[in-house]
C-alpha atoms as a PDB file:
ATOM      1  CA  PHE A   1       1.432  -7.238  -1.971  1.00  0.00           C
ATOM      2  CA  ILE A   2       4.104  -5.171  -0.425  1.00  0.00           C
ATOM      3  CA  LEU A   3       3.836  -2.498   2.655  1.00  0.00           C
ATOM      4  CA  ILE A   4       6.387  -0.016   3.021  1.00  0.00           C
ATOM      5  CA  THR A   5       5.968   1.624   6.267  1.00  0.00           C
ATOM      6  CA  ARG A   6       7.102   2.525   9.527  1.00  0.00           C
ATOM      7  CA  ALA A   7       6.487   1.228  13.167  1.00  0.00           C
ATOM      8  CA  SER A   8       3.883   3.877  14.383  1.00  0.00           C
ATOM      9  CA  PRO A   9      -0.030   2.931  15.761  1.00  0.00           C
ATOM     10  CA  GLU A  10      -1.789   4.995  13.170  1.00  0.00           C
ATOM     11  CA  LYS A  11       0.306   2.602  10.427  1.00  0.00           C
ATOM     12  CA  ARG A  12      -2.018  -0.132  11.821  1.00  0.00           C
ATOM     13  CA  THR A  13      -0.049  -2.999  10.566  1.00  0.00           C
ATOM     14  CA  ASP A  14      -2.199  -4.998  12.643  1.00  0.00           C
ATOM     15  CA  ARG A  15      -4.950  -4.977   9.914  1.00  0.00           C
ATOM     16  CA  LEU A  16      -2.792  -6.115   7.299  1.00  0.00           C
ATOM     17  CA  ILE A  17      -1.752  -9.202   9.612  1.00  0.00           C
ATOM     18  CA  ASN A  18      -5.338  -9.938  10.489  1.00  0.00           C
ATOM     19  CA  ALA A  19      -6.334  -9.456   6.782  1.00  0.00           C
ATOM     20  CA  VAL A  20      -3.342 -11.819   5.650  1.00  0.00           C
ATOM     21  CA  LEU A  21      -4.636 -14.472   8.495  1.00  0.00           C
ATOM     22  CA  ARG A  22      -8.311 -14.128   6.862  1.00  0.00           C
ATOM     23  CA  LEU A  23      -7.416 -14.686   3.544  1.00  0.00           C
ATOM     24  CA  LYS A  24      -5.083 -17.628   4.202  1.00  0.00           C
ATOM     25  CA  GLU A  25      -7.887 -19.482   6.104  1.00  0.00           C
ATOM     26  CA  ASP A  26      -9.838 -18.720   2.870  1.00  0.00           C
ATOM     27  CA  GLY A  27      -7.260 -20.779   1.373  1.00  0.00           C
ATOM     28  CA  TYR A  28      -5.759 -17.958  -1.194  1.00  0.00           C
ATOM     29  CA  ASP A  29      -2.165 -18.131  -2.179  1.00  0.00           C
ATOM     30  CA  PHE A  30      -0.065 -14.984  -2.094  1.00  0.00           C
ATOM     31  CA  HIS A  31       2.703 -13.414  -0.422  1.00  0.00           C
ATOM     32  CA  VAL A  32       3.220 -10.020   1.573  1.00  0.00           C
ATOM     33  CA  TYR A  33       6.590  -8.085   2.151  1.00  0.00           C
ATOM     34  CA  ILE A  34       6.370  -5.579   4.955  1.00  0.00           C
ATOM     35  CA  ILE A  35       9.479  -3.150   4.709  1.00  0.00           C
ATOM     36  CA  GLY A  36      10.130  -0.616   7.355  1.00  0.00           C
ATOM     37  CA  ALA A  37      12.492   0.316  10.370  1.00  0.00           C
ATOM     38  CA  GLY A  38      11.082  -1.521  13.577  1.00  0.00           C
ATOM     39  CA  LEU A  39       8.754  -3.809  11.800  1.00  0.00           C
ATOM     40  CA  ASP A  40      11.298  -6.994  11.931  1.00  0.00           C
ATOM     41  CA  THR A  41      11.098  -7.435  15.616  1.00  0.00           C
ATOM     42  CA  ARG A  42      11.579 -10.643  17.683  1.00  0.00           C
ATOM     43  CA  GLU A  43       8.200 -10.200  18.860  1.00  0.00           C
ATOM     44  CA  MET A  44       6.575  -9.593  15.667  1.00  0.00           C
ATOM     45  CA  LYS A  45       8.325 -12.541  14.254  1.00  0.00           C
ATOM     46  CA  ASP A  46       7.300 -14.624  17.057  1.00  0.00           C
ATOM     47  CA  ASP A  47       3.589 -13.474  16.625  1.00  0.00           C
ATOM     48  CA  LEU A  48       3.632 -14.454  13.016  1.00  0.00           C
ATOM     49  CA  SER A  49       4.917 -17.595  13.700  1.00  0.00           C
ATOM     50  CA  LEU A  50       2.628 -18.031  16.361  1.00  0.00           C
ATOM     51  CA  ARG A  51      -0.530 -17.524  13.875  1.00  0.00           C
ATOM     52  CA  GLY A  52       1.342 -19.597  11.007  1.00  0.00           C
ATOM     53  CA  LEU A  53       2.023 -16.498   8.816  1.00  0.00           C
ATOM     54  CA  ASN A  54       5.631 -16.549   8.587  1.00  0.00           C
ATOM     55  CA  GLU A  55       5.442 -18.408   5.269  1.00  0.00           C
ATOM     56  CA  ILE A  56       3.376 -15.649   3.812  1.00  0.00           C
ATOM     57  CA  ILE A  57       4.684 -12.504   5.439  1.00  0.00           C
ATOM     58  CA  THR A  58       8.148 -11.376   5.185  1.00  0.00           C
ATOM     59  CA  LEU A  59       9.385  -9.077   7.614  1.00  0.00           C
ATOM     60  CA  VAL A  60      12.181  -7.156   5.506  1.00  0.00           C
ATOM     61  CA  GLY A  61      13.162  -4.224   7.928  1.00  0.00           C
ATOM     62  CA  HIS A  62      14.499  -0.938   6.970  1.00  0.00           C
ATOM     63  CA  LEU A  63      15.946  -1.028   3.099  1.00  0.00           C
ATOM     64  CA  ASP A  64      17.425   2.312   1.749  1.00  0.00           C
ATOM     65  CA  ASN A  65      16.366   1.161  -1.639  1.00  0.00           C
ATOM     66  CA  PRO A  66      12.979  -0.866  -1.463  1.00  0.00           C
ATOM     67  CA  PHE A  67      12.061  -0.405  -5.182  1.00  0.00           C
ATOM     68  CA  PRO A  68      13.583  -3.741  -6.472  1.00  0.00           C
ATOM     69  CA  TYR A  69      10.624  -5.364  -3.859  1.00  0.00           C
ATOM     70  CA  VAL A  70       8.081  -3.022  -5.208  1.00  0.00           C
ATOM     71  CA  LEU A  71       8.568  -4.198  -8.789  1.00  0.00           C
ATOM     72  CA  GLN A  72       8.335  -7.521  -8.174  1.00  0.00           C
ATOM     73  CA  CYS A  73       4.862  -7.228  -6.392  1.00  0.00           C
ATOM     74  CA  ASN A  74       1.638  -6.943  -7.845  1.00  0.00           C
ATOM     75  CA  TRP A  75       0.275  -4.586  -5.322  1.00  0.00           C
ATOM     76  CA  SER A  76       1.412  -2.090  -2.872  1.00  0.00           C
ATOM     77  CA  LEU A  77      -0.772  -1.053   0.004  1.00  0.00           C
ATOM     78  CA  CYS A  78      -1.402   1.632   2.544  1.00  0.00           C
ATOM     79  CA  VAL A  79      -3.494   0.270   5.353  1.00  0.00           C
ATOM     80  CA  SER A  80      -2.944   3.243   7.505  1.00  0.00           C
ATOM     81  CA  GLU A  81      -5.900   4.565   9.867  1.00  0.00           C
ATOM     82  CA  ARG A  82      -5.047   8.279   9.131  1.00  0.00           C
ATOM     83  CA  GLU A  83      -2.119   9.656   6.580  1.00  0.00           C
ATOM     84  CA  SER A  84      -1.299  13.025   5.238  1.00  0.00           C
ATOM     85  CA  PHE A  85       0.342  11.852   2.215  1.00  0.00           C
ATOM     86  CA  SER A  86       1.937   8.444   1.447  1.00  0.00           C
ATOM     87  CA  LEU A  87       4.912   8.780  -0.429  1.00  0.00           C
ATOM     88  CA  SER A  88       5.403   4.949  -0.712  1.00  0.00           C
ATOM     89  CA  LEU A  89       2.113   4.781  -2.734  1.00  0.00           C
ATOM     90  CA  LEU A  90       3.344   7.420  -5.128  1.00  0.00           C
ATOM     91  CA  GLU A  91       6.660   5.838  -5.670  1.00  0.00           C
ATOM     92  CA  SER A  92       4.896   2.107  -6.164  1.00  0.00           C
ATOM     93  CA  MET A  93       2.825   4.080  -8.781  1.00  0.00           C
ATOM     94  CA  VAL A  94       5.570   5.698 -10.436  1.00  0.00           C
ATOM     95  CA  LEU A  95       7.045   2.080 -10.769  1.00  0.00           C
ATOM     96  CA  LYS A  96       3.829   0.965 -12.455  1.00  0.00           C
ATOM     97  CA  THR A  97       2.809  -1.196  -9.371  1.00  0.00           C
ATOM     98  CA  PRO A  98      -0.921  -0.362  -8.784  1.00  0.00           C
ATOM     99  CA  VAL A  99      -2.110   0.366  -5.167  1.00  0.00           C
ATOM    100  CA  ILE A 100      -4.801  -0.724  -2.214  1.00  0.00           C
ATOM    101  CA  THR A 101      -5.234   2.096   0.224  1.00  0.00           C
ATOM    102  CA  THR A 102      -7.774   2.482   3.143  1.00  0.00           C
ATOM    103  CA  ASP A 103      -9.653   5.773   3.064  1.00  0.00           C
ATOM    104  CA  CYS A 104      -7.538   7.447   5.405  1.00  0.00           C
ATOM    105  CA  GLY A 105      -6.777  11.306   4.276  1.00  0.00           C
ATOM    106  CA  GLY A 106      -3.692  12.082   1.707  1.00  0.00           C
ATOM    107  CA  PRO A 107      -3.879   8.640  -0.148  1.00  0.00           C
ATOM    108  CA  SER A 108      -7.562   8.920  -1.518  1.00  0.00           C
ATOM    109  CA  ASP A 109      -6.281  12.019  -3.081  1.00  0.00           C
ATOM    110  CA  ILE A 110      -3.324  10.343  -4.667  1.00  0.00           C
ATOM    111  CA  VAL A 111      -5.775   7.608  -6.066  1.00  0.00           C
ATOM    112  CA  ASP A 112      -8.253  10.616  -6.961  1.00  0.00           C
ATOM    113  CA  GLY A 113     -11.151   8.747  -4.895  1.00  0.00           C
ATOM    114  CA  GLY A 114     -10.774   5.186  -6.503  1.00  0.00           C
ATOM    115  CA  ARG A 115      -9.848   6.433 -10.089  1.00  0.00           C
ATOM    116  CA  TYR A 116      -6.292   5.575  -9.995  1.00  0.00           C
ATOM    117  CA  GLY A 117      -6.008   2.782  -7.013  1.00  0.00           C
ATOM    118  CA  LEU A 118      -8.236   0.781  -5.276  1.00  0.00           C
ATOM    119  CA  LEU A 119      -9.694   2.700  -2.431  1.00  0.00           C
ATOM    120  CA  VAL A 120     -11.036   0.804   0.514  1.00  0.00           C
ATOM    121  CA  ASN A 121     -12.853   1.561   3.836  1.00  0.00           C
ATOM    122  CA  ASN A 122     -10.821   2.529   6.726  1.00  0.00           C
ATOM    123  CA  SER A 123     -10.964  -0.500   8.577  1.00  0.00           C
ATOM    124  CA  GLY A 124      -9.638  -3.959   8.954  1.00  0.00           C
ATOM    125  CA  GLU A 125     -12.532  -5.304   6.843  1.00  0.00           C
ATOM    126  CA  GLY A 126     -11.833  -2.976   4.131  1.00  0.00           C
ATOM    127  CA  VAL A 127      -8.144  -4.026   3.966  1.00  0.00           C
ATOM    128  CA  TYR A 128      -9.585  -7.462   3.613  1.00  0.00           C
ATOM    129  CA  GLU A 129     -11.976  -6.936   1.104  1.00  0.00           C
ATOM    130  CA  GLY A 130      -9.538  -4.910  -0.796  1.00  0.00           C
ATOM    131  CA  MET A 131      -6.798  -7.548  -0.744  1.00  0.00           C
ATOM    132  CA  LYS A 132      -9.463 -10.396  -1.585  1.00  0.00           C
ATOM    133  CA  THR A 133     -11.185  -8.523  -4.534  1.00  0.00           C
ATOM    134  CA  VAL A 134      -7.541  -8.296  -6.342  1.00  0.00           C
ATOM    135  CA  LEU A 135      -7.042 -11.883  -5.636  1.00  0.00           C
ATOM    136  CA  ASP A 136     -10.428 -12.686  -6.849  1.00  0.00           C
ATOM    137  CA  ASN A 137      -9.827 -10.212 -10.246  1.00  0.00           C
ATOM    138  CA  PRO A 138      -6.167 -10.309 -11.308  1.00  0.00           C
ATOM    139  CA  SER A 139      -7.086  -8.281 -14.266  1.00  0.00           C
ATOM    140  CA  LEU A 140      -7.545  -5.415 -11.856  1.00  0.00           C
ATOM    141  CA  SER A 141      -4.030  -4.986 -11.732  1.00  0.00           C
ATOM    142  CA  VAL A 142      -3.744  -4.250 -15.290  1.00  0.00           C
ATOM    143  CA  LYS A 143      -6.640  -1.818 -15.297  1.00  0.00           C
ATOM    144  CA  TYR A 144      -4.967   0.219 -12.785  1.00  0.00           C
ATOM    145  CA  SER A 145      -1.656   0.036 -14.165  1.00  0.00           C
ATOM    146  CA  GLU A 146      -2.752   1.477 -17.295  1.00  0.00           C
ATOM    147  CA  SER A 147      -3.394   4.823 -15.878  1.00  0.00           C
ATOM    148  CA  LEU A 148      -0.558   5.156 -13.608  1.00  0.00           C
ATOM    149  CA  ASP A 149       1.366   7.890 -15.867  1.00  0.00           C
ATOM    150  CA  ARG A 150      -1.582  10.048 -15.767  1.00  0.00           C
ATOM    151  CA  ALA A 151      -2.009   9.664 -11.914  1.00  0.00           C
ATOM    152  CA  VAL A 152       1.680  10.391 -11.174  1.00  0.00           C
ATOM    153  CA  SER A 153       1.811  13.366 -13.546  1.00  0.00           C
ATOM    154  CA  ARG A 154      -0.627  15.158 -11.225  1.00  0.00           C
ATOM    155  CA  PHE A 155       1.912  15.341  -8.675  1.00  0.00           C
ATOM    156  CA  ASP A 156       4.608  16.877 -10.896  1.00  0.00           C
ATOM    157  CA  TYR A 157       6.587  19.438  -8.879  1.00  0.00           C
ATOM    158  CA  ASN A 158       7.128  22.206 -11.524  1.00  0.00           C
ATOM    159  CA  GLY A 159       3.376  22.135 -12.319  1.00  0.00           C
ATOM    160  CA  TRP A 160       2.827  22.148  -8.803  1.00  0.00           C
ATOM    161  CA  LEU A 161       4.693  25.265  -8.242  1.00  0.00           C
ATOM    162  CA  ASN A 162       3.001  26.722 -11.488  1.00  0.00           C
ATOM    163  CA  SER A 163      -0.371  26.295  -9.747  1.00  0.00           C
ATOM    164  CA  VAL A 164       0.805  27.947  -6.738  1.00  0.00           C
ATOM    165  CA  ASP A 165       2.285  30.750  -8.421  1.00  0.00           C
ATOM    166  CA  LYS A 166      -1.060  31.009 -10.515  1.00  0.00           C
ATOM    167  CA  LEU A 167      -3.076  30.636  -7.143  1.00  0.00           C
ATOM    168  CA  LEU A 168      -0.896  33.363  -5.606  1.00  0.00           C
ATOM    169  CA  GLY A 169      -0.750  35.795  -8.521  1.00  0.00           C
ATOM    170  CA  VAL A 170       2.952  35.616  -8.512  1.00  0.00           C
END
């Protein structure tokens, strides 16, 4: 799994950390990369160590190019409480990495209500259930990967401009 985000309260990385702890206790074998500025602090590293998660979660910090990480992961995550648009989810989909997102606004449109990615309840329980679902059903990765070209094509800039022109009668 990969989460690309920034340090901000609405991003709710705590949901991910709590879900990882539960999944570890349930006996699942997986790894999570968290990429983003301000997310590799000493305090966060100490918290992960205290919870016994430093072997499961890698805090990468800021990267100019996170795409090599996205390409090696099976799922990209959005665990936010609210989000207007998640560019990192769309970028993951362009790279053929399927996504799991909370129902937090814009990302639900990106996955078209669950058609192009796993849409979960906007809660810590939702994050846990989504991750558990894909760990229990590895074939879901294939299912969601197959339609990512269609999903991404909906966000074509030129197509968007043409739609705006038609809407405005230009």
